[in-house]
Amino acid sequence: MKKLDKIIKNLEKLEGTHEYNLSEILSDKFIVENTKFSSFEDMVEQSGLKLNMESYEELSNNNMLNEFISLNTKFNSLSGMVEVAFAEFLEKKIF
């Protein structure tokens, strides 16, 4: 029962609205395990693109970044990468 209680407690912590930084979701560990880069910042730097790292919307809509991600990772786009990373992020927070 202790494991179930822990899961319930962790789910309660996730109730409501939360804001997470992209660097929390696309952690270095996730990037290393799923790409040939050492961090999200390294990946962006290697792309040679000058990007506004503060705006997820701008990043996710950047066709050149999405093409770079598609060519250099197993993901088709930044949003695809974030979707998988966020699922793993939440799994760690719950379990």
PDB file of N, CA and C in Angstrom:
ATOM      1  N   MET A   1       0.817  -1.207   0.000  1.00  0.00           N
ATOM      2  CA  MET A   1       0.000   0.000   0.000  1.00  0.00           C
ATOM      3  C   MET A   1       0.852   1.260   0.000  1.00  0.00           C
ATOM      4  N   LYS A   2       2.061   1.167   0.537  1.00  0.00           N
ATOM      5  CA  LYS A   2       2.890   2.358   0.601  1.00  0.00           C
ATOM      6  C   LYS A   2       3.181   2.915  -0.786  1.00  0.00           C
ATOM      7  N   LYS A   3       3.406   2.024  -1.754  1.00  0.00           N
ATOM      8  CA  LYS A   3       3.698   2.471  -3.111  1.00  0.00           C
ATOM      9  C   LYS A   3       2.483   3.205  -3.700  1.00  0.00           C
ATOM     10  N   LEU A   4       1.303   2.655  -3.490  1.00  0.00           N
ATOM     11  CA  LEU A   4       0.082   3.287  -3.975  1.00  0.00           C
ATOM     12  C   LEU A   4      -0.132   4.639  -3.298  1.00  0.00           C
ATOM     13  N   ASP A   5       0.124   4.718  -2.011  1.00  0.00           N
ATOM     14  CA  ASP A   5      -0.003   5.987  -1.286  1.00  0.00           C
ATOM     15  C   ASP A   5       0.956   7.031  -1.852  1.00  0.00           C
ATOM     16  N   LYS A   6       2.163   6.601  -2.175  1.00  0.00           N
ATOM     17  CA  LYS A   6       3.160   7.518  -2.751  1.00  0.00           C
ATOM     18  C   LYS A   6       2.683   8.031  -4.104  1.00  0.00           C
ATOM     19  N   ILE A   7       2.142   7.152  -4.928  1.00  0.00           N
ATOM     20  CA  ILE A   7       1.644   7.550  -6.249  1.00  0.00           C
ATOM     21  C   ILE A   7       0.502   8.547  -6.099  1.00  0.00           C
ATOM     22  N   ILE A   8      -0.418   8.267  -5.195  1.00  0.00           N
ATOM     23  CA  ILE A   8      -1.555   9.167  -4.965  1.00  0.00           C
ATOM     24  C   ILE A   8      -1.055  10.533  -4.496  1.00  0.00           C
ATOM     25  N   LYS A   9      -0.127  10.539  -3.574  1.00  0.00           N
ATOM     26  CA  LYS A   9       0.436  11.796  -3.069  1.00  0.00           C
ATOM     27  C   LYS A   9       1.110  12.574  -4.197  1.00  0.00           C
ATOM     28  N   ASN A  10       1.869  11.888  -5.045  1.00  0.00           N
ATOM     29  CA  ASN A  10       2.550  12.551  -6.151  1.00  0.00           C
ATOM     30  C   ASN A  10       1.563  13.084  -7.181  1.00  0.00           C
ATOM     31  N   LEU A  11       0.482  12.351  -7.425  1.00  0.00           N
ATOM     32  CA  LEU A  11      -0.548  12.829  -8.344  1.00  0.00           C
ATOM     33  C   LEU A  11      -1.232  14.076  -7.794  1.00  0.00           C
ATOM     34  N   GLU A  12      -1.457  14.103  -6.493  1.00  0.00           N
ATOM     35  CA  GLU A  12      -2.067  15.285  -5.874  1.00  0.00           C
ATOM     36  C   GLU A  12      -1.181  16.514  -6.043  1.00  0.00           C
ATOM     37  N   LYS A  13       0.134  16.312  -5.995  1.00  0.00           N
ATOM     38  CA  LYS A  13       1.070  17.423  -6.194  1.00  0.00           C
ATOM     39  C   LYS A  13       0.981  17.984  -7.607  1.00  0.00           C
ATOM     40  N   LEU A  14       0.576  17.154  -8.550  1.00  0.00           N
ATOM     41  CA  LEU A  14       0.494  17.582  -9.947  1.00  0.00           C
ATOM     42  C   LEU A  14      -0.843  18.230 -10.301  1.00  0.00           C
ATOM     43  N   GLU A  15      -1.780  18.216  -9.354  1.00  0.00           N
ATOM     44  CA  GLU A  15      -3.076  18.837  -9.624  1.00  0.00           C
ATOM     45  C   GLU A  15      -2.902  20.327  -9.887  1.00  0.00           C
ATOM     46  N   GLY A  16      -3.762  20.856 -10.720  1.00  0.00           N
ATOM     47  CA  GLY A  16      -3.719  22.289 -11.004  1.00  0.00           C
ATOM     48  C   GLY A  16      -2.801  22.609 -12.168  1.00  0.00           C
ATOM     49  N   THR A  17      -2.466  23.868 -12.273  1.00  0.00           N
ATOM     50  CA  THR A  17      -1.632  24.356 -13.368  1.00  0.00           C
ATOM     51  C   THR A  17      -0.201  24.513 -12.899  1.00  0.00           C
ATOM     52  N   HIS A  18       0.722  24.057 -13.728  1.00  0.00           N
ATOM     53  CA  HIS A  18       2.145  24.165 -13.419  1.00  0.00           C
ATOM     54  C   HIS A  18       2.885  24.677 -14.645  1.00  0.00           C
ATOM     55  N   GLU A  19       3.955  25.387 -14.399  1.00  0.00           N
ATOM     56  CA  GLU A  19       4.831  25.810 -15.486  1.00  0.00           C
ATOM     57  C   GLU A  19       6.178  25.142 -15.296  1.00  0.00           C
ATOM     58  N   TYR A  20       6.697  24.590 -16.389  1.00  0.00           N
ATOM     59  CA  TYR A  20       7.998  23.957 -16.368  1.00  0.00           C
ATOM     60  C   TYR A  20       8.877  24.585 -17.434  1.00  0.00           C
ATOM     61  N   ASN A  21      10.152  24.705 -17.129  1.00  0.00           N
ATOM     62  CA  ASN A  21      11.103  25.192 -18.123  1.00  0.00           C
ATOM     63  C   ASN A  21      11.373  24.086 -19.131  1.00  0.00           C
ATOM     64  N   LEU A  22      11.661  24.493 -20.359  1.00  0.00           N
ATOM     65  CA  LEU A  22      11.989  23.526 -21.393  1.00  0.00           C
ATOM     66  C   LEU A  22      13.198  22.691 -20.983  1.00  0.00           C
ATOM     67  N   SER A  23      14.131  23.314 -20.268  1.00  0.00           N
ATOM     68  CA  SER A  23      15.330  22.585 -19.837  1.00  0.00           C
ATOM     69  C   SER A  23      15.001  21.522 -18.785  1.00  0.00           C
ATOM     70  N   GLU A  24      13.904  21.676 -18.054  1.00  0.00           N
ATOM     71  CA  GLU A  24      13.472  20.644 -17.108  1.00  0.00           C
ATOM     72  C   GLU A  24      12.933  19.431 -17.863  1.00  0.00           C
ATOM     73  N   ILE A  25      12.182  19.704 -18.912  1.00  0.00           N
ATOM     74  CA  ILE A  25      11.553  18.634 -19.689  1.00  0.00           C
ATOM     75  C   ILE A  25      12.582  17.963 -20.598  1.00  0.00           C
ATOM     76  N   LEU A  26      13.353  18.771 -21.317  1.00  0.00           N
ATOM     77  CA  LEU A  26      14.404  18.249 -22.194  1.00  0.00           C
ATOM     78  C   LEU A  26      15.713  18.228 -21.412  1.00  0.00           C
ATOM     79  N   SER A  27      15.740  17.412 -20.397  1.00  0.00           N
ATOM     80  CA  SER A  27      16.918  17.339 -19.524  1.00  0.00           C
ATOM     81  C   SER A  27      18.125  16.817 -20.305  1.00  0.00           C
ATOM     82  N   ASP A  28      19.297  17.081 -19.774  1.00  0.00           N
ATOM     83  CA  ASP A  28      20.521  16.573 -20.402  1.00  0.00           C
ATOM     84  C   ASP A  28      20.451  15.056 -20.534  1.00  0.00           C
ATOM     85  N   LYS A  29      19.932  14.390 -19.501  1.00  0.00           N
ATOM     86  CA  LYS A  29      19.816  12.926 -19.516  1.00  0.00           C
ATOM     87  C   LYS A  29      18.939  12.475 -20.681  1.00  0.00           C
ATOM     88  N   PHE A  30      17.795  13.125 -20.868  1.00  0.00           N
ATOM     89  CA  PHE A  30      16.899  12.778 -21.971  1.00  0.00           C
ATOM     90  C   PHE A  30      17.590  13.007 -23.309  1.00  0.00           C
ATOM     91  N   ILE A  31      18.244  14.147 -23.459  1.00  0.00           N
ATOM     92  CA  ILE A  31      18.909  14.471 -24.728  1.00  0.00           C
ATOM     93  C   ILE A  31      20.017  13.463 -25.024  1.00  0.00           C
ATOM     94  N   VAL A  32      20.829  13.144 -24.038  1.00  0.00           N
ATOM     95  CA  VAL A  32      21.924  12.178 -24.238  1.00  0.00           C
ATOM     96  C   VAL A  32      21.370  10.803 -24.631  1.00  0.00           C
ATOM     97  N   GLU A  33      20.275  10.398 -23.994  1.00  0.00           N
ATOM     98  CA  GLU A  33      19.701   9.074 -24.265  1.00  0.00           C
ATOM     99  C   GLU A  33      18.988   9.001 -25.616  1.00  0.00           C
ATOM    100  N   ASN A  34      18.550  10.151 -26.147  1.00  0.00           N
ATOM    101  CA  ASN A  34      17.707  10.136 -27.348  1.00  0.00           C
ATOM    102  C   ASN A  34      18.281  10.869 -28.558  1.00  0.00           C
ATOM    103  N   THR A  35      19.451  11.467 -28.405  1.00  0.00           N
ATOM    104  CA  THR A  35      20.068  12.177 -29.526  1.00  0.00           C
ATOM    105  C   THR A  35      21.575  11.954 -29.471  1.00  0.00           C
ATOM    106  N   LYS A  36      22.286  12.564 -30.385  1.00  0.00           N
ATOM    107  CA  LYS A  36      23.751  12.491 -30.365  1.00  0.00           C
ATOM    108  C   LYS A  36      24.356  13.729 -29.696  1.00  0.00           C
ATOM    109  N   PHE A  37      23.538  14.494 -29.011  1.00  0.00           N
ATOM    110  CA  PHE A  37      23.979  15.734 -28.372  1.00  0.00           C
ATOM    111  C   PHE A  37      24.061  15.577 -26.860  1.00  0.00           C
ATOM    112  N   SER A  38      24.768  16.495 -26.212  1.00  0.00           N
ATOM    113  CA  SER A  38      24.956  16.408 -24.761  1.00  0.00           C
ATOM    114  C   SER A  38      23.899  17.192 -23.976  1.00  0.00           C
ATOM    115  N   SER A  39      23.212  18.107 -24.640  1.00  0.00           N
ATOM    116  CA  SER A  39      22.163  18.911 -23.993  1.00  0.00           C
ATOM    117  C   SER A  39      21.323  19.565 -25.086  1.00  0.00           C
ATOM    118  N   PHE A  40      20.167  20.083 -24.691  1.00  0.00           N
ATOM    119  CA  PHE A  40      19.332  20.796 -25.660  1.00  0.00           C
ATOM    120  C   PHE A  40      20.076  22.020 -26.178  1.00  0.00           C
ATOM    121  N   GLU A  41      20.769  22.707 -25.274  1.00  0.00           N
ATOM    122  CA  GLU A  41      21.531  23.889 -25.675  1.00  0.00           C
ATOM    123  C   GLU A  41      22.624  23.518 -26.675  1.00  0.00           C
ATOM    124  N   ASP A  42      23.286  22.375 -26.454  1.00  0.00           N
ATOM    125  CA  ASP A  42      24.299  21.887 -27.388  1.00  0.00           C
ATOM    126  C   ASP A  42      23.670  21.604 -28.750  1.00  0.00           C
ATOM    127  N   MET A  43      22.506  20.987 -28.755  1.00  0.00           N
ATOM    128  CA  MET A  43      21.825  20.684 -30.004  1.00  0.00           C
ATOM    129  C   MET A  43      21.507  21.960 -30.776  1.00  0.00           C
ATOM    130  N   VAL A  44      20.972  22.960 -30.075  1.00  0.00           N
ATOM    131  CA  VAL A  44      20.638  24.228 -30.727  1.00  0.00           C
ATOM    132  C   VAL A  44      21.903  24.900 -31.244  1.00  0.00           C
ATOM    133  N   GLU A  45      22.957  24.870 -30.435  1.00  0.00           N
ATOM    134  CA  GLU A  45      24.229  25.465 -30.862  1.00  0.00           C
ATOM    135  C   GLU A  45      24.756  24.763 -32.107  1.00  0.00           C
ATOM    136  N   GLN A  46      24.703  23.445 -32.123  1.00  0.00           N
ATOM    137  CA  GLN A  46      25.188  22.669 -33.268  1.00  0.00           C
ATOM    138  C   GLN A  46      24.344  22.932 -34.521  1.00  0.00           C
ATOM    139  N   SER A  47      23.101  23.345 -34.343  1.00  0.00           N
ATOM    140  CA  SER A  47      22.238  23.637 -35.489  1.00  0.00           C
ATOM    141  C   SER A  47      22.699  24.893 -36.219  1.00  0.00           C
ATOM    142  N   GLY A  48      23.419  25.766 -35.499  1.00  0.00           N
ATOM    143  CA  GLY A  48      23.868  27.016 -36.100  1.00  0.00           C
ATOM    144  C   GLY A  48      22.775  28.066 -36.201  1.00  0.00           C
ATOM    145  N   LEU A  49      21.617  27.766 -35.672  1.00  0.00           N
ATOM    146  CA  LEU A  49      20.491  28.704 -35.741  1.00  0.00           C
ATOM    147  C   LEU A  49      20.531  29.674 -34.565  1.00  0.00           C
ATOM    148  N   LYS A  50      20.140  30.881 -34.804  1.00  0.00           N
ATOM    149  CA  LYS A  50      20.006  31.879 -33.752  1.00  0.00           C
ATOM    150  C   LYS A  50      18.540  31.884 -33.332  1.00  0.00           C
ATOM    151  N   LEU A  51      18.279  31.372 -32.141  1.00  0.00           N
ATOM    152  CA  LEU A  51      16.908  31.170 -31.706  1.00  0.00           C
ATOM    153  C   LEU A  51      16.617  31.870 -30.388  1.00  0.00           C
ATOM    154  N   ASN A  52      15.364  32.251 -30.213  1.00  0.00           N
ATOM    155  CA  ASN A  52      14.884  32.804 -28.953  1.00  0.00           C
ATOM    156  C   ASN A  52      14.556  31.628 -28.046  1.00  0.00           C
ATOM    157  N   MET A  53      15.447  31.341 -27.122  1.00  0.00           N
ATOM    158  CA  MET A  53      15.282  30.174 -26.252  1.00  0.00           C
ATOM    159  C   MET A  53      14.205  30.389 -25.186  1.00  0.00           C
ATOM    160  N   GLU A  54      13.686  31.591 -25.073  1.00  0.00           N
ATOM    161  CA  GLU A  54      12.679  31.886 -24.059  1.00  0.00           C
ATOM    162  C   GLU A  54      11.266  31.564 -24.531  1.00  0.00           C
ATOM    163  N   SER A  55      11.073  31.387 -25.838  1.00  0.00           N
ATOM    164  CA  SER A  55       9.722  31.196 -26.360  1.00  0.00           C
ATOM    165  C   SER A  55       9.569  29.807 -26.970  1.00  0.00           C
ATOM    166  N   TYR A  56       8.882  28.925 -26.255  1.00  0.00           N
ATOM    167  CA  TYR A  56       8.641  27.572 -26.789  1.00  0.00           C
ATOM    168  C   TYR A  56       7.850  27.651 -28.084  1.00  0.00           C
ATOM    169  N   GLU A  57       6.889  28.555 -28.124  1.00  0.00           N
ATOM    170  CA  GLU A  57       6.052  28.680 -29.324  1.00  0.00           C
ATOM    171  C   GLU A  57       6.906  29.019 -30.549  1.00  0.00           C
ATOM    172  N   GLU A  58       7.816  29.971 -30.396  1.00  0.00           N
ATOM    173  CA  GLU A  58       8.702  30.318 -31.509  1.00  0.00           C
ATOM    174  C   GLU A  58       9.600  29.142 -31.881  1.00  0.00           C
ATOM    175  N   LEU A  59      10.142  28.468 -30.877  1.00  0.00           N
ATOM    176  CA  LEU A  59      11.017  27.320 -31.147  1.00  0.00           C
ATOM    177  C   LEU A  59      10.260  26.216 -31.876  1.00  0.00           C
ATOM    178  N   SER A  60       9.086  25.881 -31.376  1.00  0.00           N
ATOM    179  CA  SER A  60       8.342  24.752 -31.952  1.00  0.00           C
ATOM    180  C   SER A  60       7.821  25.053 -33.348  1.00  0.00           C
ATOM    181  N   ASN A  61       7.662  26.322 -33.680  1.00  0.00           N
ATOM    182  CA  ASN A  61       7.185  26.716 -35.019  1.00  0.00           C
ATOM    183  C   ASN A  61       8.321  27.030 -35.980  1.00  0.00           C
ATOM    184  N   ASN A  62       9.560  26.880 -35.530  1.00  0.00           N
ATOM    185  CA  ASN A  62      10.704  27.189 -36.378  1.00  0.00           C
ATOM    186  C   ASN A  62      10.973  26.007 -37.317  1.00  0.00           C
ATOM    187  N   ASN A  63      10.662  26.194 -38.590  1.00  0.00           N
ATOM    188  CA  ASN A  63      10.810  25.116 -39.566  1.00  0.00           C
ATOM    189  C   ASN A  63      12.250  24.636 -39.703  1.00  0.00           C
ATOM    190  N   MET A  64      13.195  25.543 -39.596  1.00  0.00           N
ATOM    191  CA  MET A  64      14.593  25.155 -39.734  1.00  0.00           C
ATOM    192  C   MET A  64      15.035  24.292 -38.546  1.00  0.00           C
ATOM    193  N   LEU A  65      14.595  24.646 -37.344  1.00  0.00           N
ATOM    194  CA  LEU A  65      14.915  23.834 -36.168  1.00  0.00           C
ATOM    195  C   LEU A  65      14.262  22.465 -36.281  1.00  0.00           C
ATOM    196  N   ASN A  66      13.000  22.440 -36.688  1.00  0.00           N
ATOM    197  CA  ASN A  66      12.304  21.156 -36.829  1.00  0.00           C
ATOM    198  C   ASN A  66      12.970  20.280 -37.883  1.00  0.00           C
ATOM    199  N   GLU A  67      13.450  20.873 -38.961  1.00  0.00           N
ATOM    200  CA  GLU A  67      14.165  20.101 -39.979  1.00  0.00           C
ATOM    201  C   GLU A  67      15.482  19.560 -39.411  1.00  0.00           C
ATOM    202  N   PHE A  68      16.198  20.392 -38.649  1.00  0.00           N
ATOM    203  CA  PHE A  68      17.440  19.951 -38.018  1.00  0.00           C
ATOM    204  C   PHE A  68      17.174  18.781 -37.073  1.00  0.00           C
ATOM    205  N   ILE A  69      16.126  18.894 -36.271  1.00  0.00           N
ATOM    206  CA  ILE A  69      15.759  17.824 -35.337  1.00  0.00           C
ATOM    207  C   ILE A  69      15.409  16.556 -36.103  1.00  0.00           C
ATOM    208  N   SER A  70      14.657  16.693 -37.169  1.00  0.00           N
ATOM    209  CA  SER A  70      14.266  15.544 -37.978  1.00  0.00           C
ATOM    210  C   SER A  70      15.469  14.838 -38.594  1.00  0.00           C
ATOM    211  N   LEU A  71      16.450  15.598 -39.018  1.00  0.00           N
ATOM    212  CA  LEU A  71      17.639  15.038 -39.660  1.00  0.00           C
ATOM    213  C   LEU A  71      18.657  14.483 -38.666  1.00  0.00           C
ATOM    214  N   ASN A  72      18.636  14.971 -37.429  1.00  0.00           N
ATOM    215  CA  ASN A  72      19.693  14.637 -36.475  1.00  0.00           C
ATOM    216  C   ASN A  72      19.241  13.906 -35.219  1.00  0.00           C
ATOM    217  N   THR A  73      17.966  13.587 -35.131  1.00  0.00           N
ATOM    218  CA  THR A  73      17.450  12.840 -33.991  1.00  0.00           C
ATOM    219  C   THR A  73      16.423  11.835 -34.504  1.00  0.00           C
ATOM    220  N   LYS A  74      15.869  11.051 -33.606  1.00  0.00           N
ATOM    221  CA  LYS A  74      14.818  10.111 -34.003  1.00  0.00           C
ATOM    222  C   LYS A  74      13.432  10.760 -33.993  1.00  0.00           C
ATOM    223  N   PHE A  75      13.381  12.059 -33.719  1.00  0.00           N
ATOM    224  CA  PHE A  75      12.118  12.783 -33.652  1.00  0.00           C
ATOM    225  C   PHE A  75      11.886  13.579 -34.931  1.00  0.00           C
ATOM    226  N   ASN A  76      10.626  13.832 -35.247  1.00  0.00           N
ATOM    227  CA  ASN A  76      10.285  14.593 -36.455  1.00  0.00           C
ATOM    228  C   ASN A  76      10.271  16.094 -36.234  1.00  0.00           C
ATOM    229  N   SER A  77      10.164  16.510 -34.970  1.00  0.00           N
ATOM    230  CA  SER A  77      10.046  17.933 -34.676  1.00  0.00           C
ATOM    231  C   SER A  77      10.328  18.170 -33.196  1.00  0.00           C
ATOM    232  N   LEU A  78      10.452  19.436 -32.832  1.00  0.00           N
ATOM    233  CA  LEU A  78      10.624  19.770 -31.425  1.00  0.00           C
ATOM    234  C   LEU A  78       9.411  19.337 -30.620  1.00  0.00           C
ATOM    235  N   SER A  79       8.222  19.571 -31.139  1.00  0.00           N
ATOM    236  CA  SER A  79       7.027  19.199 -30.377  1.00  0.00           C
ATOM    237  C   SER A  79       6.957  17.685 -30.174  1.00  0.00           C
ATOM    238  N   GLY A  80       7.385  16.893 -31.151  1.00  0.00           N
ATOM    239  CA  GLY A  80       7.438  15.443 -30.984  1.00  0.00           C
ATOM    240  C   GLY A  80       8.425  15.042 -29.906  1.00  0.00           C
ATOM    241  N   MET A  81       9.552  15.721 -29.879  1.00  0.00           N
ATOM    242  CA  MET A  81      10.577  15.458 -28.870  1.00  0.00           C
ATOM    243  C   MET A  81      10.047  15.826 -27.484  1.00  0.00           C
ATOM    244  N   VAL A  82       9.423  16.973 -27.378  1.00  0.00           N
ATOM    245  CA  VAL A  82       8.894  17.437 -26.091  1.00  0.00           C
ATOM    246  C   VAL A  82       7.774  16.523 -25.599  1.00  0.00           C
ATOM    247  N   GLU A  83       6.956  16.030 -26.510  1.00  0.00           N
ATOM    248  CA  GLU A  83       5.861  15.132 -26.119  1.00  0.00           C
ATOM    249  C   GLU A  83       6.406  13.881 -25.421  1.00  0.00           C
ATOM    250  N   VAL A  84       7.429  13.278 -25.994  1.00  0.00           N
ATOM    251  CA  VAL A  84       8.030  12.082 -25.403  1.00  0.00           C
ATOM    252  C   VAL A  84       8.741  12.436 -24.097  1.00  0.00           C
ATOM    253  N   ALA A  85       9.482  13.535 -24.114  1.00  0.00           N
ATOM    254  CA  ALA A  85      10.222  13.961 -22.921  1.00  0.00           C
ATOM    255  C   ALA A  85       9.271  14.283 -21.774  1.00  0.00           C
ATOM    256  N   PHE A  86       8.152  14.941 -22.088  1.00  0.00           N
ATOM    257  CA  PHE A  86       7.206  15.319 -21.043  1.00  0.00           C
ATOM    258  C   PHE A  86       6.544  14.084 -20.434  1.00  0.00           C
ATOM    259  N   ALA A  87       6.252  13.089 -21.250  1.00  0.00           N
ATOM    260  CA  ALA A  87       5.680  11.843 -20.725  1.00  0.00           C
ATOM    261  C   ALA A  87       6.659  11.190 -19.748  1.00  0.00           C
ATOM    262  N   GLU A  88       7.943  11.166 -20.102  1.00  0.00           N
ATOM    263  CA  GLU A  88       8.959  10.608 -19.201  1.00  0.00           C
ATOM    264  C   GLU A  88       9.110  11.459 -17.944  1.00  0.00           C
ATOM    265  N   PHE A  89       9.056  12.773 -18.115  1.00  0.00           N
ATOM    266  CA  PHE A  89       9.158  13.728 -17.002  1.00  0.00           C
ATOM    267  C   PHE A  89       8.034  13.474 -15.996  1.00  0.00           C
ATOM    268  N   LEU A  90       6.808  13.342 -16.497  1.00  0.00           N
ATOM    269  CA  LEU A  90       5.669  13.098 -15.609  1.00  0.00           C
ATOM    270  C   LEU A  90       5.750  11.733 -14.951  1.00  0.00           C
ATOM    271  N   GLU A  91       6.199  10.743 -15.696  1.00  0.00           N
ATOM    272  CA  GLU A  91       6.334   9.400 -15.121  1.00  0.00           C
ATOM    273  C   GLU A  91       7.275   9.426 -13.913  1.00  0.00           C
ATOM    274  N   LYS A  92       8.378  10.170 -14.031  1.00  0.00           N
ATOM    275  CA  LYS A  92       9.336  10.267 -12.922  1.00  0.00           C
ATOM    276  C   LYS A  92       8.711  11.000 -11.733  1.00  0.00           C
ATOM    277  N   LYS A  93       7.885  12.002 -12.009  1.00  0.00           N
ATOM    278  CA  LYS A  93       7.250  12.742 -10.923  1.00  0.00           C
ATOM    279  C   LYS A  93       6.180  11.915 -10.209  1.00  0.00           C
ATOM    280  N   ILE A  94       5.543  11.016 -10.926  1.00  0.00           N
ATOM    281  CA  ILE A  94       4.470  10.214 -10.341  1.00  0.00           C
ATOM    282  C   ILE A  94       5.004   8.992  -9.614  1.00  0.00           C
ATOM    283  N   PHE A  95       5.955   8.309 -10.228  1.00  0.00           N
ATOM    284  CA  PHE A  95       6.455   7.046  -9.673  1.00  0.00           C
ATOM    285  C   PHE A  95       7.765   7.313  -9.028  1.00  0.00           C
TER     286      PHE A  95
END
